[in-house]
Structure formats: C-alpha cells, structure tokens
Amino acid sequence: MLGEFRRTAVLVPLGEEPGPDGERGLLTADWGGIRFILAFSNEQALARYARARDAYRREWAYQTVLGARLLDVAVPAAGVPCGVALDCADGVDGMVFPPVRGLVPEAAAVDRDEDEGDAA
C-alpha cells in the first residue's frame, strides 16, 4: 500500500485560513500529539469527508500532490510530528501513514534514534 500511495496523485484540501505568509496551507488535523495532513484518493472521498463535517455546501479548494511528495517534503516541512491520513472519512477503508521510520524521512520520524538524528 505504501508504494502505491507514493506513486499516486492525491487531493489535498487547502485550509480555510491563510498562514503567516498569507498562503493557505494544507488541511490538517491533530490527533494524539501528531499533526496529520488530510489527503483524499478522489473527489468522492473528499465529498464524504465534507458531508461528515456538515461542510459539503462550501467550496473545497485543493491541490493534487504525489503521495511521495507529501511524505518526503510536506511532512518534514511541518516542523512538528506529522503524518498523512488518506480518506479519513472512510473508516477502515482509510489509511494512516504515521511519522515513523520507513514511511517518512529519518529526520521527521518520531521513532528515530536521537543520536542518529543529531548526526544528520
């Protein structure tokens, strides 16, 4: 599943409020001390999320991003422990990619060896 996600373009909604730089960032949710970038496999999955949030009437701006770019670039750029949640409104059919070794770059992994992280 990881390889397929890395090769696949997914939809990543933009947050409603602009960040400090005036740009709208990626839509995220915090859970258990970890920030998750919310990604969706298609517009129908995004619509299910919007409906679950009772926000299906508003316009949802999104970017199309390769899964690899989310894991390799966006996750480390978050500056906090961060992973990716794919199709999070789909229950057991959704996937979570936590910030652990083998999924994200070593420096962004929460389970990295601190001595190794300092050497990088």
PDB file of N, CA and C in Angstrom:
ATOM      1  N   MET A   1       0.821  -1.201   0.000  1.00  0.00           N
ATOM      2  CA  MET A   1       0.000   0.000   0.000  1.00  0.00           C
ATOM      3  C   MET A   1       0.859   1.258   0.000  1.00  0.00           C
ATOM      4  N   LEU A   2       1.985   1.238   0.725  1.00  0.00           N
ATOM      5  CA  LEU A   2       2.853   2.413   0.782  1.00  0.00           C
ATOM      6  C   LEU A   2       3.378   2.770  -0.603  1.00  0.00           C
ATOM      7  N   GLY A   3       3.867   1.779  -1.343  1.00  0.00           N
ATOM      8  CA  GLY A   3       4.397   2.045  -2.677  1.00  0.00           C
ATOM      9  C   GLY A   3       3.348   2.643  -3.595  1.00  0.00           C
ATOM     10  N   GLU A   4       2.150   2.118  -3.536  1.00  0.00           N
ATOM     11  CA  GLU A   4       1.059   2.641  -4.354  1.00  0.00           C
ATOM     12  C   GLU A   4       0.740   4.085  -3.964  1.00  0.00           C
ATOM     13  N   PHE A   5       0.685   4.363  -2.668  1.00  0.00           N
ATOM     14  CA  PHE A   5       0.409   5.728  -2.216  1.00  0.00           C
ATOM     15  C   PHE A   5       1.495   6.679  -2.708  1.00  0.00           C
ATOM     16  N   ARG A   6       2.753   6.281  -2.606  1.00  0.00           N
ATOM     17  CA  ARG A   6       3.857   7.150  -3.018  1.00  0.00           C
ATOM     18  C   ARG A   6       3.771   7.492  -4.508  1.00  0.00           C
ATOM     19  N   ARG A   7       3.283   6.582  -5.325  1.00  0.00           N
ATOM     20  CA  ARG A   7       3.211   6.787  -6.777  1.00  0.00           C
ATOM     21  C   ARG A   7       1.928   7.481  -7.230  1.00  0.00           C
ATOM     22  N   THR A   8       0.984   7.659  -6.331  1.00  0.00           N
ATOM     23  CA  THR A   8      -0.342   8.148  -6.704  1.00  0.00           C
ATOM     24  C   THR A   8      -0.517   9.622  -6.366  1.00  0.00           C
ATOM     25  N   ALA A   9      -1.149  10.342  -7.295  1.00  0.00           N
ATOM     26  CA  ALA A   9      -1.531  11.730  -7.026  1.00  0.00           C
ATOM     27  C   ALA A   9      -2.813  11.711  -6.194  1.00  0.00           C
ATOM     28  N   VAL A  10      -2.813  12.456  -5.097  1.00  0.00           N
ATOM     29  CA  VAL A  10      -3.971  12.536  -4.209  1.00  0.00           C
ATOM     30  C   VAL A  10      -4.425  13.987  -4.108  1.00  0.00           C
ATOM     31  N   LEU A  11      -5.635  14.182  -3.646  1.00  0.00           N
ATOM     32  CA  LEU A  11      -6.189  15.521  -3.454  1.00  0.00           C
ATOM     33  C   LEU A  11      -5.924  15.952  -2.019  1.00  0.00           C
ATOM     34  N   VAL A  12      -5.367  17.148  -1.872  1.00  0.00           N
ATOM     35  CA  VAL A  12      -5.078  17.684  -0.541  1.00  0.00           C
ATOM     36  C   VAL A  12      -5.789  19.030  -0.418  1.00  0.00           C
ATOM     37  N   PRO A  13      -6.874  19.085   0.365  1.00  0.00           N
ATOM     38  CA  PRO A  13      -7.596  20.345   0.528  1.00  0.00           C
ATOM     39  C   PRO A  13      -6.725  21.403   1.193  1.00  0.00           C
ATOM     40  N   LEU A  14      -7.032  22.643   0.862  1.00  0.00           N
ATOM     41  CA  LEU A  14      -6.360  23.766   1.499  1.00  0.00           C
ATOM     42  C   LEU A  14      -7.159  24.183   2.722  1.00  0.00           C
ATOM     43  N   GLY A  15      -6.460  24.611   3.758  1.00  0.00           N
ATOM     44  CA  GLY A  15      -7.121  25.108   4.954  1.00  0.00           C
ATOM     45  C   GLY A  15      -7.904  26.372   4.642  1.00  0.00           C
ATOM     46  N   GLU A  16      -8.819  26.715   5.514  1.00  0.00           N
ATOM     47  CA  GLU A  16      -9.669  27.886   5.272  1.00  0.00           C
ATOM     48  C   GLU A  16      -8.953  29.202   5.520  1.00  0.00           C
ATOM     49  N   GLU A  17      -8.046  29.229   6.474  1.00  0.00           N
ATOM     50  CA  GLU A  17      -7.384  30.473   6.864  1.00  0.00           C
ATOM     51  C   GLU A  17      -5.965  30.532   6.311  1.00  0.00           C
ATOM     52  N   PRO A  18      -5.543  31.720   5.847  1.00  0.00           N
ATOM     53  CA  PRO A  18      -4.152  31.853   5.407  1.00  0.00           C
ATOM     54  C   PRO A  18      -3.196  31.773   6.592  1.00  0.00           C
ATOM     55  N   GLY A  19      -2.015  31.252   6.325  1.00  0.00           N
ATOM     56  CA  GLY A  19      -0.978  31.168   7.351  1.00  0.00           C
ATOM     57  C   GLY A  19      -0.244  32.484   7.482  1.00  0.00           C
ATOM     58  N   PRO A  20       0.857  32.497   8.245  1.00  0.00           N
ATOM     59  CA  PRO A  20       1.623  33.720   8.472  1.00  0.00           C
ATOM     60  C   PRO A  20       2.159  34.336   7.182  1.00  0.00           C
ATOM     61  N   ASP A  21       2.392  33.507   6.168  1.00  0.00           N
ATOM     62  CA  ASP A  21       2.918  34.014   4.899  1.00  0.00           C
ATOM     63  C   ASP A  21       1.808  34.459   3.945  1.00  0.00           C
ATOM     64  N   GLY A  22       0.556  34.407   4.392  1.00  0.00           N
ATOM     65  CA  GLY A  22      -0.567  34.815   3.567  1.00  0.00           C
ATOM     66  C   GLY A  22      -1.100  33.720   2.665  1.00  0.00           C
ATOM     67  N   GLU A  23      -0.410  32.601   2.597  1.00  0.00           N
ATOM     68  CA  GLU A  23      -0.835  31.472   1.772  1.00  0.00           C
ATOM     69  C   GLU A  23      -1.722  30.529   2.585  1.00  0.00           C
ATOM     70  N   ARG A  24      -2.652  29.898   1.910  1.00  0.00           N
ATOM     71  CA  ARG A  24      -3.463  28.869   2.569  1.00  0.00           C
ATOM     72  C   ARG A  24      -2.650  27.588   2.608  1.00  0.00           C
ATOM     73  N   GLY A  25      -2.486  27.046   3.790  1.00  0.00           N
ATOM     74  CA  GLY A  25      -1.732  25.809   3.947  1.00  0.00           C
ATOM     75  C   GLY A  25      -2.599  24.598   3.673  1.00  0.00           C
ATOM     76  N   LEU A  26      -1.989  23.445   3.781  1.00  0.00           N
ATOM     77  CA  LEU A  26      -2.705  22.190   3.594  1.00  0.00           C
ATOM     78  C   LEU A  26      -3.616  21.933   4.788  1.00  0.00           C
ATOM     79  N   LEU A  27      -4.754  21.315   4.547  1.00  0.00           N
ATOM     80  CA  LEU A  27      -5.696  20.994   5.617  1.00  0.00           C
ATOM     81  C   LEU A  27      -5.098  19.902   6.499  1.00  0.00           C
ATOM     82  N   THR A  28      -5.077  20.155   7.789  1.00  0.00           N
ATOM     83  CA  THR A  28      -4.506  19.198   8.737  1.00  0.00           C
ATOM     84  C   THR A  28      -5.460  18.987   9.905  1.00  0.00           C
ATOM     85  N   ALA A  29      -5.207  17.923  10.632  1.00  0.00           N
ATOM     86  CA  ALA A  29      -5.927  17.637  11.874  1.00  0.00           C
ATOM     87  C   ALA A  29      -4.916  17.079  12.857  1.00  0.00           C
ATOM     88  N   ASP A  30      -5.027  17.481  14.108  1.00  0.00           N
ATOM     89  CA  ASP A  30      -4.125  16.990  15.146  1.00  0.00           C
ATOM     90  C   ASP A  30      -4.819  15.887  15.933  1.00  0.00           C
ATOM     91  N   TRP A  31      -4.092  14.812  16.167  1.00  0.00           N
ATOM     92  CA  TRP A  31      -4.631  13.690  16.929  1.00  0.00           C
ATOM     93  C   TRP A  31      -3.490  13.006  17.663  1.00  0.00           C
ATOM     94  N   GLY A  32      -3.641  12.856  18.967  1.00  0.00           N
ATOM     95  CA  GLY A  32      -2.638  12.160  19.764  1.00  0.00           C
ATOM     96  C   GLY A  32      -1.269  12.814  19.733  1.00  0.00           C
ATOM     97  N   GLY A  33      -1.225  14.132  19.617  1.00  0.00           N
ATOM     98  CA  GLY A  33       0.051  14.842  19.588  1.00  0.00           C
ATOM     99  C   GLY A  33       0.747  14.819  18.240  1.00  0.00           C
ATOM    100  N   ILE A  34       0.071  14.333  17.220  1.00  0.00           N
ATOM    101  CA  ILE A  34       0.642  14.275  15.873  1.00  0.00           C
ATOM    102  C   ILE A  34      -0.282  15.021  14.919  1.00  0.00           C
ATOM    103  N   ARG A  35       0.303  15.818  14.056  1.00  0.00           N
ATOM    104  CA  ARG A  35      -0.458  16.518  13.021  1.00  0.00           C
ATOM    105  C   ARG A  35      -0.544  15.597  11.801  1.00  0.00           C
ATOM    106  N   PHE A  36      -1.705  15.518  11.210  1.00  0.00           N
ATOM    107  CA  PHE A  36      -1.895  14.713  10.004  1.00  0.00           C
ATOM    108  C   PHE A  36      -2.365  15.605   8.866  1.00  0.00           C
ATOM    109  N   ILE A  37      -1.682  15.510   7.743  1.00  0.00           N
ATOM    110  CA  ILE A  37      -2.135  16.155   6.517  1.00  0.00           C
ATOM    111  C   ILE A  37      -3.265  15.286   5.973  1.00  0.00           C
ATOM    112  N   LEU A  38      -4.398  15.912   5.675  1.00  0.00           N
ATOM    113  CA  LEU A  38      -5.548  15.158   5.172  1.00  0.00           C
ATOM    114  C   LEU A  38      -5.471  15.074   3.652  1.00  0.00           C
ATOM    115  N   ALA A  39      -5.511  13.866   3.134  1.00  0.00           N
ATOM    116  CA  ALA A  39      -5.426  13.621   1.695  1.00  0.00           C
ATOM    117  C   ALA A  39      -6.566  12.690   1.291  1.00  0.00           C
ATOM    118  N   PHE A  40      -6.974  12.800   0.032  1.00  0.00           N
ATOM    119  CA  PHE A  40      -8.112  12.022  -0.449  1.00  0.00           C
ATOM    120  C   PHE A  40      -7.794  11.429  -1.814  1.00  0.00           C
ATOM    121  N   SER A  41      -8.238  10.199  -2.019  1.00  0.00           N
ATOM    122  CA  SER A  41      -7.910   9.489  -3.249  1.00  0.00           C
ATOM    123  C   SER A  41      -8.675  10.025  -4.462  1.00  0.00           C
ATOM    124  N   ASN A  42      -9.802  10.677  -4.233  1.00  0.00           N
ATOM    125  CA  ASN A  42     -10.591  11.231  -5.343  1.00  0.00           C
ATOM    126  C   ASN A  42     -11.605  12.229  -4.786  1.00  0.00           C
ATOM    127  N   GLU A  43     -12.334  12.889  -5.689  1.00  0.00           N
ATOM    128  CA  GLU A  43     -13.301  13.897  -5.251  1.00  0.00           C
ATOM    129  C   GLU A  43     -14.444  13.289  -4.439  1.00  0.00           C
ATOM    130  N   GLN A  44     -14.794  12.053  -4.715  1.00  0.00           N
ATOM    131  CA  GLN A  44     -15.868  11.406  -3.956  1.00  0.00           C
ATOM    132  C   GLN A  44     -15.448  11.201  -2.498  1.00  0.00           C
ATOM    133  N   ALA A  45     -14.204  10.817  -2.273  1.00  0.00           N
ATOM    134  CA  ALA A  45     -13.708  10.643  -0.902  1.00  0.00           C
ATOM    135  C   ALA A  45     -13.673  11.987  -0.176  1.00  0.00           C
ATOM    136  N   LEU A  46     -13.278  13.044  -0.883  1.00  0.00           N
ATOM    137  CA  LEU A  46     -13.292  14.384  -0.287  1.00  0.00           C
ATOM    138  C   LEU A  46     -14.729  14.799   0.029  1.00  0.00           C
ATOM    139  N   ALA A  47     -15.661  14.484  -0.847  1.00  0.00           N
ATOM    140  CA  ALA A  47     -17.073  14.819  -0.608  1.00  0.00           C
ATOM    141  C   ALA A  47     -17.612  14.086   0.620  1.00  0.00           C
ATOM    142  N   ARG A  48     -17.212  12.831   0.813  1.00  0.00           N
ATOM    143  CA  ARG A  48     -17.653  12.099   2.013  1.00  0.00           C
ATOM    144  C   ARG A  48     -17.124  12.775   3.273  1.00  0.00           C
ATOM    145  N   TYR A  49     -15.884  13.254   3.228  1.00  0.00           N
ATOM    146  CA  TYR A  49     -15.310  13.980   4.370  1.00  0.00           C
ATOM    147  C   TYR A  49     -16.109  15.263   4.620  1.00  0.00           C
ATOM    148  N   ALA A  50     -16.384  16.011   3.560  1.00  0.00           N
ATOM    149  CA  ALA A  50     -17.139  17.259   3.700  1.00  0.00           C
ATOM    150  C   ALA A  50     -18.519  16.993   4.296  1.00  0.00           C
ATOM    151  N   ARG A  51     -19.174  15.954   3.830  1.00  0.00           N
ATOM    152  CA  ARG A  51     -20.507  15.614   4.349  1.00  0.00           C
ATOM    153  C   ARG A  51     -20.421  15.228   5.827  1.00  0.00           C
ATOM    154  N   ALA A  52     -19.410  14.463   6.201  1.00  0.00           N
ATOM    155  CA  ALA A  52     -19.243  14.054   7.603  1.00  0.00           C
ATOM    156  C   ALA A  52     -19.013  15.261   8.505  1.00  0.00           C
ATOM    157  N   ARG A  53     -18.458  16.331   7.956  1.00  0.00           N
ATOM    158  CA  ARG A  53     -18.193  17.558   8.716  1.00  0.00           C
ATOM    159  C   ARG A  53     -19.325  18.565   8.562  1.00  0.00           C
ATOM    160  N   ASP A  54     -20.390  18.170   7.864  1.00  0.00           N
ATOM    161  CA  ASP A  54     -21.512  19.056   7.560  1.00  0.00           C
ATOM    162  C   ASP A  54     -21.018  20.323   6.868  1.00  0.00           C
ATOM    163  N   ALA A  55     -20.044  20.142   5.978  1.00  0.00           N
ATOM    164  CA  ALA A  55     -19.450  21.268   5.258  1.00  0.00           C
ATOM    165  C   ALA A  55     -19.476  21.016   3.751  1.00  0.00           C
ATOM    166  N   TYR A  56     -20.437  20.239   3.295  1.00  0.00           N
ATOM    167  CA  TYR A  56     -20.472  19.865   1.884  1.00  0.00           C
ATOM    168  C   TYR A  56     -20.965  20.988   0.984  1.00  0.00           C
ATOM    169  N   ARG A  57     -21.536  22.036   1.552  1.00  0.00           N
ATOM    170  CA  ARG A  57     -22.045  23.140   0.731  1.00  0.00           C
ATOM    171  C   ARG A  57     -20.960  24.150   0.372  1.00  0.00           C
ATOM    172  N   ARG A  58     -19.879  24.154   1.115  1.00  0.00           N
ATOM    173  CA  ARG A  58     -18.828  25.130   0.817  1.00  0.00           C
ATOM    174  C   ARG A  58     -17.923  24.609  -0.292  1.00  0.00           C
ATOM    175  N   GLU A  59     -17.238  25.519  -0.935  1.00  0.00           N
ATOM    176  CA  GLU A  59     -16.287  25.130  -1.973  1.00  0.00           C
ATOM    177  C   GLU A  59     -15.006  24.623  -1.314  1.00  0.00           C
ATOM    178  N   TRP A  60     -14.485  23.514  -1.799  1.00  0.00           N
ATOM    179  CA  TRP A  60     -13.264  22.917  -1.260  1.00  0.00           C
ATOM    180  C   TRP A  60     -12.143  23.080  -2.284  1.00  0.00           C
ATOM    181  N   ALA A  61     -11.270  24.042  -2.051  1.00  0.00           N
ATOM    182  CA  ALA A  61     -10.090  24.195  -2.904  1.00  0.00           C
ATOM    183  C   ALA A  61      -9.079  23.128  -2.499  1.00  0.00           C
ATOM    184  N   TYR A  62      -8.425  22.549  -3.478  1.00  0.00           N
ATOM    185  CA  TYR A  62      -7.431  21.524  -3.170  1.00  0.00           C
ATOM    186  C   TYR A  62      -6.303  21.545  -4.189  1.00  0.00           C
ATOM    187  N   GLN A  63      -5.205  20.921  -3.810  1.00  0.00           N
ATOM    188  CA  GLN A  63      -4.077  20.703  -4.704  1.00  0.00           C
ATOM    189  C   GLN A  63      -3.972  19.211  -4.976  1.00  0.00           C
ATOM    190  N   THR A  64      -3.444  18.875  -6.128  1.00  0.00           N
ATOM    191  CA  THR A  64      -3.140  17.484  -6.438  1.00  0.00           C
ATOM    192  C   THR A  64      -1.645  17.290  -6.204  1.00  0.00           C
ATOM    193  N   VAL A  65      -1.310  16.345  -5.341  1.00  0.00           N
ATOM    194  CA  VAL A  65       0.075  16.154  -4.905  1.00  0.00           C
ATOM    195  C   VAL A  65       0.395  14.661  -4.919  1.00  0.00           C
ATOM    196  N   LEU A  66       1.588  14.316  -5.368  1.00  0.00           N
ATOM    197  CA  LEU A  66       2.014  12.917  -5.276  1.00  0.00           C
ATOM    198  C   LEU A  66       2.180  12.522  -3.816  1.00  0.00           C
ATOM    199  N   GLY A  67       1.776  11.314  -3.486  1.00  0.00           N
ATOM    200  CA  GLY A  67       1.943  10.818  -2.121  1.00  0.00           C
ATOM    201  C   GLY A  67       3.388  10.905  -1.663  1.00  0.00           C
ATOM    202  N   ALA A  68       4.334  10.608  -2.553  1.00  0.00           N
ATOM    203  CA  ALA A  68       5.757  10.687  -2.197  1.00  0.00           C
ATOM    204  C   ALA A  68       6.136  12.097  -1.782  1.00  0.00           C
ATOM    205  N   ARG A  69       5.601  13.092  -2.467  1.00  0.00           N
ATOM    206  CA  ARG A  69       5.925  14.489  -2.119  1.00  0.00           C
ATOM    207  C   ARG A  69       5.360  14.852  -0.746  1.00  0.00           C
ATOM    208  N   LEU A  70       4.177  14.344  -0.427  1.00  0.00           N
ATOM    209  CA  LEU A  70       3.624  14.592   0.908  1.00  0.00           C
ATOM    210  C   LEU A  70       4.536  14.006   1.978  1.00  0.00           C
ATOM    211  N   LEU A  71       4.916  12.740   1.801  1.00  0.00           N
ATOM    212  CA  LEU A  71       5.725  12.059   2.817  1.00  0.00           C
ATOM    213  C   LEU A  71       7.149  12.599   2.893  1.00  0.00           C
ATOM    214  N   ASP A  72       7.744  12.915   1.741  1.00  0.00           N
ATOM    215  CA  ASP A  72       9.159  13.295   1.711  1.00  0.00           C
ATOM    216  C   ASP A  72       9.410  14.784   1.887  1.00  0.00           C
ATOM    217  N   VAL A  73       8.421  15.625   1.552  1.00  0.00           N
ATOM    218  CA  VAL A  73       8.622  17.077   1.595  1.00  0.00           C
ATOM    219  C   VAL A  73       7.682  17.757   2.596  1.00  0.00           C
ATOM    220  N   ALA A  74       6.379  17.527   2.457  1.00  0.00           N
ATOM    221  CA  ALA A  74       5.411  18.238   3.303  1.00  0.00           C
ATOM    222  C   ALA A  74       5.502  17.821   4.761  1.00  0.00           C
ATOM    223  N   VAL A  75       5.659  16.528   5.026  1.00  0.00           N
ATOM    224  CA  VAL A  75       5.741  16.054   6.413  1.00  0.00           C
ATOM    225  C   VAL A  75       6.933  16.676   7.140  1.00  0.00           C
ATOM    226  N   PRO A  76       8.158  16.617   6.593  1.00  0.00           N
ATOM    227  CA  PRO A  76       9.283  17.247   7.298  1.00  0.00           C
ATOM    228  C   PRO A  76       9.129  18.767   7.425  1.00  0.00           C
ATOM    229  N   ALA A  77       8.474  19.399   6.447  1.00  0.00           N
ATOM    230  CA  ALA A  77       8.307  20.853   6.479  1.00  0.00           C
ATOM    231  C   ALA A  77       7.330  21.305   7.555  1.00  0.00           C
ATOM    232  N   ALA A  78       6.524  20.406   8.076  1.00  0.00           N
ATOM    233  CA  ALA A  78       5.525  20.780   9.088  1.00  0.00           C
ATOM    234  C   ALA A  78       6.172  21.320  10.356  1.00  0.00           C
ATOM    235  N   GLY A  79       7.363  20.854  10.665  1.00  0.00           N
ATOM    236  CA  GLY A  79       8.052  21.348  11.854  1.00  0.00           C
ATOM    237  C   GLY A  79       7.571  20.745  13.160  1.00  0.00           C
ATOM    238  N   VAL A  80       6.604  19.870  13.096  1.00  0.00           N
ATOM    239  CA  VAL A  80       6.080  19.144  14.260  1.00  0.00           C
ATOM    240  C   VAL A  80       5.889  17.696  13.814  1.00  0.00           C
ATOM    241  N   PRO A  81       5.738  16.753  14.749  1.00  0.00           N
ATOM    242  CA  PRO A  81       5.456  15.384  14.317  1.00  0.00           C
ATOM    243  C   PRO A  81       4.230  15.373  13.400  1.00  0.00           C
ATOM    244  N   CYS A  82       4.403  14.818  12.208  1.00  0.00           N
ATOM    245  CA  CYS A  82       3.362  14.921  11.188  1.00  0.00           C
ATOM    246  C   CYS A  82       3.333  13.667  10.329  1.00  0.00           C
ATOM    247  N   GLY A  83       2.136  13.235   9.984  1.00  0.00           N
ATOM    248  CA  GLY A  83       1.932  12.119   9.078  1.00  0.00           C
ATOM    249  C   GLY A  83       0.872  12.488   8.058  1.00  0.00           C
ATOM    250  N   VAL A  84       0.347  11.496   7.377  1.00  0.00           N
ATOM    251  CA  VAL A  84      -0.686  11.708   6.364  1.00  0.00           C
ATOM    252  C   VAL A  84      -1.850  10.762   6.652  1.00  0.00           C
ATOM    253  N   ALA A  85      -3.064  11.292   6.599  1.00  0.00           N
ATOM    254  CA  ALA A  85      -4.279  10.483   6.726  1.00  0.00           C
ATOM    255  C   ALA A  85      -4.977  10.492   5.371  1.00  0.00           C
ATOM    256  N   LEU A  86      -5.139   9.323   4.779  1.00  0.00           N
ATOM    257  CA  LEU A  86      -5.762   9.183   3.467  1.00  0.00           C
ATOM    258  C   LEU A  86      -7.200   8.694   3.635  1.00  0.00           C
ATOM    259  N   ASP A  87      -8.133   9.419   3.036  1.00  0.00           N
ATOM    260  CA  ASP A  87      -9.557   9.052   3.058  1.00  0.00           C
ATOM    261  C   ASP A  87     -10.054   8.823   4.486  1.00  0.00           C
ATOM    262  N   CYS A  88      -9.820   9.805   5.336  1.00  0.00           N
ATOM    263  CA  CYS A  88     -10.096   9.654   6.771  1.00  0.00           C
ATOM    264  C   CYS A  88     -11.581   9.550   7.110  1.00  0.00           C
ATOM    265  N   ALA A  89     -12.468   9.859   6.179  1.00  0.00           N
ATOM    266  CA  ALA A  89     -13.903   9.711   6.457  1.00  0.00           C
ATOM    267  C   ALA A  89     -14.416   8.334   6.067  1.00  0.00           C
ATOM    268  N   ASP A  90     -13.525   7.475   5.609  1.00  0.00           N
ATOM    269  CA  ASP A  90     -13.944   6.174   5.089  1.00  0.00           C
ATOM    270  C   ASP A  90     -13.719   5.026   6.062  1.00  0.00           C
ATOM    271  N   GLY A  91     -13.566   5.328   7.334  1.00  0.00           N
ATOM    272  CA  GLY A  91     -13.430   4.282   8.348  1.00  0.00           C
ATOM    273  C   GLY A  91     -12.277   3.341   8.061  1.00  0.00           C
ATOM    274  N   VAL A  92     -12.552   2.044   8.072  1.00  0.00           N
ATOM    275  CA  VAL A  92     -11.493   1.045   7.890  1.00  0.00           C
ATOM    276  C   VAL A  92     -10.913   1.059   6.480  1.00  0.00           C
ATOM    277  N   ASP A  93     -11.571   1.712   5.542  1.00  0.00           N
ATOM    278  CA  ASP A  93     -11.035   1.809   4.186  1.00  0.00           C
ATOM    279  C   ASP A  93     -10.015   2.932   4.046  1.00  0.00           C
ATOM    280  N   GLY A  94      -9.904   3.791   5.053  1.00  0.00           N
ATOM    281  CA  GLY A  94      -8.894   4.841   5.046  1.00  0.00           C
ATOM    282  C   GLY A  94      -7.544   4.286   5.476  1.00  0.00           C
ATOM    283  N   MET A  95      -6.514   5.077   5.304  1.00  0.00           N
ATOM    284  CA  MET A  95      -5.154   4.672   5.689  1.00  0.00           C
ATOM    285  C   MET A  95      -4.494   5.811   6.453  1.00  0.00           C
ATOM    286  N   VAL A  96      -3.650   5.442   7.392  1.00  0.00           N
ATOM    287  CA  VAL A  96      -2.860   6.428   8.125  1.00  0.00           C
ATOM    288  C   VAL A  96      -1.390   6.093   7.910  1.00  0.00           C
ATOM    289  N   PHE A  97      -0.625   7.103   7.540  1.00  0.00           N
ATOM    290  CA  PHE A  97       0.813   6.971   7.377  1.00  0.00           C
ATOM    291  C   PHE A  97       1.463   7.809   8.478  1.00  0.00           C
ATOM    292  N   PRO A  98       1.792   7.190   9.603  1.00  0.00           N
ATOM    293  CA  PRO A  98       2.346   7.940  10.738  1.00  0.00           C
ATOM    294  C   PRO A  98       3.800   8.332  10.474  1.00  0.00           C
ATOM    295  N   PRO A  99       4.307   9.276  11.245  1.00  0.00           N
ATOM    296  CA  PRO A  99       5.687   9.736  11.051  1.00  0.00           C
ATOM    297  C   PRO A  99       6.698   8.783  11.690  1.00  0.00           C
ATOM    298  N   VAL A 100       6.872   7.628  11.076  1.00  0.00           N
ATOM    299  CA  VAL A 100       7.817   6.633  11.589  1.00  0.00           C
ATOM    300  C   VAL A 100       8.823   6.273  10.496  1.00  0.00           C
ATOM    301  N   ARG A 101       9.955   5.715  10.944  1.00  0.00           N
ATOM    302  CA  ARG A 101      10.995   5.298  10.001  1.00  0.00           C
ATOM    303  C   ARG A 101      10.413   4.344   8.966  1.00  0.00           C
ATOM    304  N   GLY A 102      10.870   4.483   7.765  1.00  0.00           N
ATOM    305  CA  GLY A 102      10.387   3.654   6.671  1.00  0.00           C
ATOM    306  C   GLY A 102       9.225   4.270   5.923  1.00  0.00           C
ATOM    307  N   LEU A 103       8.556   5.236   6.548  1.00  0.00           N
ATOM    308  CA  LEU A 103       7.446   5.931   5.883  1.00  0.00           C
ATOM    309  C   LEU A 103       7.810   7.365   5.535  1.00  0.00           C
ATOM    310  N   VAL A 104       8.506   8.027   6.440  1.00  0.00           N
ATOM    311  CA  VAL A 104       8.904   9.423   6.250  1.00  0.00           C
ATOM    312  C   VAL A 104      10.422   9.506   6.392  1.00  0.00           C
ATOM    313  N   PRO A 105      11.023  10.622   5.962  1.00  0.00           N
ATOM    314  CA  PRO A 105      12.470  10.755   6.135  1.00  0.00           C
ATOM    315  C   PRO A 105      12.875  10.593   7.603  1.00  0.00           C
ATOM    316  N   GLU A 106      14.035  10.035   7.813  1.00  0.00           N
ATOM    317  CA  GLU A 106      14.542   9.739   9.160  1.00  0.00           C
ATOM    318  C   GLU A 106      14.424  10.945  10.100  1.00  0.00           C
ATOM    319  N   ALA A 107      14.778  12.131   9.620  1.00  0.00           N
ATOM    320  CA  ALA A 107      14.758  13.323  10.476  1.00  0.00           C
ATOM    321  C   ALA A 107      13.350  13.686  10.942  1.00  0.00           C
ATOM    322  N   ALA A 108      12.321  13.263  10.205  1.00  0.00           N
ATOM    323  CA  ALA A 108      10.935  13.581  10.567  1.00  0.00           C
ATOM    324  C   ALA A 108      10.255  12.453  11.334  1.00  0.00           C
ATOM    325  N   ALA A 109      10.948  11.337  11.504  1.00  0.00           N
ATOM    326  CA  ALA A 109      10.355  10.172  12.170  1.00  0.00           C
ATOM    327  C   ALA A 109      10.390  10.336  13.682  1.00  0.00           C
ATOM    328  N   VAL A 110       9.291  10.016  14.332  1.00  0.00           N
ATOM    329  CA  VAL A 110       9.235  10.127  15.791  1.00  0.00           C
ATOM    330  C   VAL A 110       9.933   8.965  16.478  1.00  0.00           C
ATOM    331  N   ASP A 111      10.199   7.896  15.739  1.00  0.00           N
ATOM    332  CA  ASP A 111      10.862   6.736  16.338  1.00  0.00           C
ATOM    333  C   ASP A 111      12.341   6.640  15.950  1.00  0.00           C
ATOM    334  N   ARG A 112      12.914   7.748  15.511  1.00  0.00           N
ATOM    335  CA  ARG A 112      14.324   7.726  15.113  1.00  0.00           C
ATOM    336  C   ARG A 112      15.220   7.673  16.340  1.00  0.00           C
ATOM    337  N   ASP A 113      16.415   7.216  16.126  1.00  0.00           N
ATOM    338  CA  ASP A 113      17.446   7.225  17.162  1.00  0.00           C
ATOM    339  C   ASP A 113      17.942   8.663  17.268  1.00  0.00           C
ATOM    340  N   GLU A 114      17.761   9.288  18.410  1.00  0.00           N
ATOM    341  CA  GLU A 114      18.133  10.694  18.578  1.00  0.00           C
ATOM    342  C   GLU A 114      19.591  10.954  18.238  1.00  0.00           C
ATOM    343  N   ASP A 115      20.487  10.008  18.550  1.00  0.00           N
ATOM    344  CA  ASP A 115      21.897  10.189  18.217  1.00  0.00           C
ATOM    345  C   ASP A 115      22.085  10.237  16.710  1.00  0.00           C
ATOM    346  N   GLU A 116      21.351   9.398  15.964  1.00  0.00           N
ATOM    347  CA  GLU A 116      21.433   9.410  14.508  1.00  0.00           C
ATOM    348  C   GLU A 116      20.870  10.707  13.957  1.00  0.00           C
ATOM    349  N   GLY A 117      19.776  11.209  14.542  1.00  0.00           N
ATOM    350  CA  GLY A 117      19.168  12.449  14.078  1.00  0.00           C
ATOM    351  C   GLY A 117      20.082  13.636  14.254  1.00  0.00           C
ATOM    352  N   ASP A 118      20.885  13.654  15.325  1.00  0.00           N
ATOM    353  CA  ASP A 118      21.803  14.757  15.559  1.00  0.00           C
ATOM    354  C   ASP A 118      22.953  14.740  14.572  1.00  0.00           C
ATOM    355  N   ALA A 119      23.329  13.559  14.087  1.00  0.00           N
ATOM    356  CA  ALA A 119      24.459  13.451  13.177  1.00  0.00           C
ATOM    357  C   ALA A 119      24.093  13.896  11.767  1.00  0.00           C
ATOM    358  N   ALA A 120      22.818  13.929  11.446  1.00  0.00           N
ATOM    359  CA  ALA A 120      22.396  14.275  10.085  1.00  0.00           C
ATOM    360  C   ALA A 120      22.522  15.747   9.815  1.00  0.00           C
TER     361      ALA A 120
END
